[in-house]
Amino acid sequence: MSVTIYHNPRCSKSRTTLELIRDKGIDPHIVEYLVTPPSVAELKDILVKLGKSASDIVRKKEAKEEGIDLDALDEDSLIEALVAHPRAIERPIVINGAKAAMGRPPESVLDIL
């Protein structure tokens, strides 16, 4: 099983989600997405796996602080803005093969493990 977590170590939900994954005996690939943001293609793939649109994974306060005008952007432009400003991406996101889940609440990722 290959599990990846898009992780922010400063976020308590992200840390709790990582701990839940490890408690299941899984050693996930950890992507600190603020250091290594996903590419546009990777983020589009993540959104497909989540079954969500880009607006569903936006941290609105951080988007505003980053100057992202949510009302003015179409889906592709918003994805590009999120890649350029990964701080505005909701966290954590866990990927397991063709499935993905947001770790809010952390227990929601258990369904895909």
Protein backbone atom coordinates (compact mmCIF):
# COMPACT_ATOMS: atom_id res chain seq x y z
CA MET A 1 0.00 0.00 0.00
CA SER A 2 1.39 3.38 -1.02
CA VAL A 3 -0.05 6.20 1.04
CA THR A 4 0.92 9.85 0.64
CA ILE A 5 0.04 12.68 2.99
CA TYR A 6 0.23 16.32 1.97
CA HIS A 7 1.31 17.52 5.36
CA ASN A 8 1.97 20.71 7.29
CA PRO A 9 3.86 19.82 10.48
CA ARG A 10 2.70 23.06 12.13
CA CYS A 11 -0.98 22.05 11.77
CA SER A 12 -2.50 20.03 14.61
CA LYS A 13 -5.04 18.31 12.31
CA SER A 14 -2.23 17.33 9.96
CA ARG A 15 -0.12 15.95 12.82
CA THR A 16 -3.10 14.02 14.21
CA THR A 17 -3.89 12.58 10.77
CA LEU A 18 -0.28 11.47 10.32
CA GLU A 19 -0.38 9.80 13.74
CA LEU A 20 -3.61 7.96 12.82
CA ILE A 21 -2.00 6.66 9.63
CA ARG A 22 1.08 5.48 11.48
CA ASP A 23 -1.10 3.86 14.18
CA LYS A 24 -2.51 1.69 11.37
CA GLY A 25 1.03 0.43 10.72
CA ILE A 26 1.43 2.50 7.56
CA ASP A 27 4.61 4.48 6.89
CA PRO A 28 3.30 7.12 4.47
CA HIS A 29 5.23 9.19 1.98
CA ILE A 30 5.15 12.67 3.52
CA VAL A 31 5.00 15.70 1.24
CA GLU A 32 5.47 18.95 3.11
CA TYR A 33 3.42 20.81 0.54
CA LEU A 34 4.52 24.26 1.73
CA VAL A 35 8.11 23.27 0.87
CA THR A 36 7.26 21.12 -2.17
CA PRO A 37 3.87 22.20 -3.55
CA PRO A 38 2.05 19.94 -5.98
CA SER A 39 2.27 20.79 -9.67
CA VAL A 40 -0.84 21.87 -11.55
CA ALA A 41 -1.18 18.32 -12.93
CA GLU A 42 -0.72 16.77 -9.48
CA LEU A 43 -3.30 19.07 -7.91
CA LYS A 44 -5.79 18.29 -10.69
CA ASP A 45 -5.21 14.57 -10.06
CA ILE A 46 -5.70 15.06 -6.32
CA LEU A 47 -8.97 16.90 -6.94
CA VAL A 48 -10.25 14.06 -9.14
CA LYS A 49 -9.39 11.53 -6.43
CA LEU A 50 -11.10 13.70 -3.81
CA GLY A 51 -14.14 14.22 -6.04
CA LYS A 52 -13.90 17.94 -5.30
CA SER A 53 -13.33 21.21 -7.10
CA ALA A 54 -10.48 23.58 -6.30
CA SER A 55 -12.81 25.89 -4.38
CA ASP A 56 -13.60 23.00 -2.02
CA ILE A 57 -10.00 22.81 -0.79
CA VAL A 58 -9.30 26.52 -0.31
CA ARG A 59 -8.45 27.99 3.06
CA LYS A 60 -10.35 31.23 2.57
CA LYS A 61 -8.47 33.34 5.10
CA GLU A 62 -5.09 32.32 3.68
CA ALA A 63 -6.34 32.78 0.11
CA LYS A 64 -7.35 36.34 0.94
CA GLU A 65 -3.99 36.98 2.61
CA GLU A 66 -2.23 35.64 -0.50
CA GLY A 67 -4.28 37.96 -2.74
CA ILE A 68 -6.31 35.19 -4.36
CA ASP A 69 -9.65 36.60 -5.52
CA LEU A 70 -11.89 33.53 -5.36
CA ASP A 71 -14.76 35.28 -7.15
CA ALA A 72 -12.62 36.28 -10.12
CA LEU A 73 -11.00 32.92 -10.92
CA ASP A 74 -12.23 29.97 -12.95
CA GLU A 75 -11.24 26.41 -11.92
CA ASP A 76 -7.97 26.28 -13.85
CA SER A 77 -6.89 29.74 -12.67
CA LEU A 78 -7.70 28.83 -9.08
CA ILE A 79 -5.64 25.64 -9.34
CA GLU A 80 -2.71 27.68 -10.67
CA ALA A 81 -3.14 30.17 -7.80
CA LEU A 82 -3.16 27.35 -5.23
CA VAL A 83 0.01 25.86 -6.69
CA ALA A 84 1.65 29.29 -6.55
CA HIS A 85 0.37 29.87 -2.99
CA PRO A 86 0.14 26.42 -1.35
CA ARG A 87 -0.56 27.99 2.05
CA ALA A 88 -4.13 28.45 0.78
CA ILE A 89 -4.62 24.68 0.27
CA GLU A 90 -6.65 22.93 2.97
CA ARG A 91 -4.69 20.29 4.84
CA PRO A 92 -3.98 17.50 5.23
CA ILE A 93 -4.81 15.54 2.11
CA VAL A 94 -4.16 11.79 2.12
CA ILE A 95 -3.84 9.76 -1.08
CA ASN A 96 -4.08 5.97 -1.27
CA GLY A 97 -3.96 4.74 -4.86
CA ALA A 98 -7.03 6.06 -6.69
CA LYS A 99 -8.64 7.33 -3.48
CA ALA A 100 -8.07 10.48 -1.47
CA ALA A 101 -9.53 12.11 1.63
CA MET A 102 -9.22 15.35 3.53
CA GLY A 103 -8.03 14.95 7.10
CA ARG A 104 -10.75 17.20 8.50
CA PRO A 105 -11.65 15.58 10.78
CA PRO A 106 -8.54 13.39 10.89
CA GLU A 107 -10.63 10.21 11.21
CA SER A 108 -12.10 10.78 7.74
CA VAL A 109 -8.94 9.37 6.15
CA LEU A 110 -9.48 5.98 7.78
CA ASP A 111 -12.06 5.11 5.10
CA ILE A 112 -9.40 5.06 2.37
CA LEU A 113 -6.68 3.16 4.27
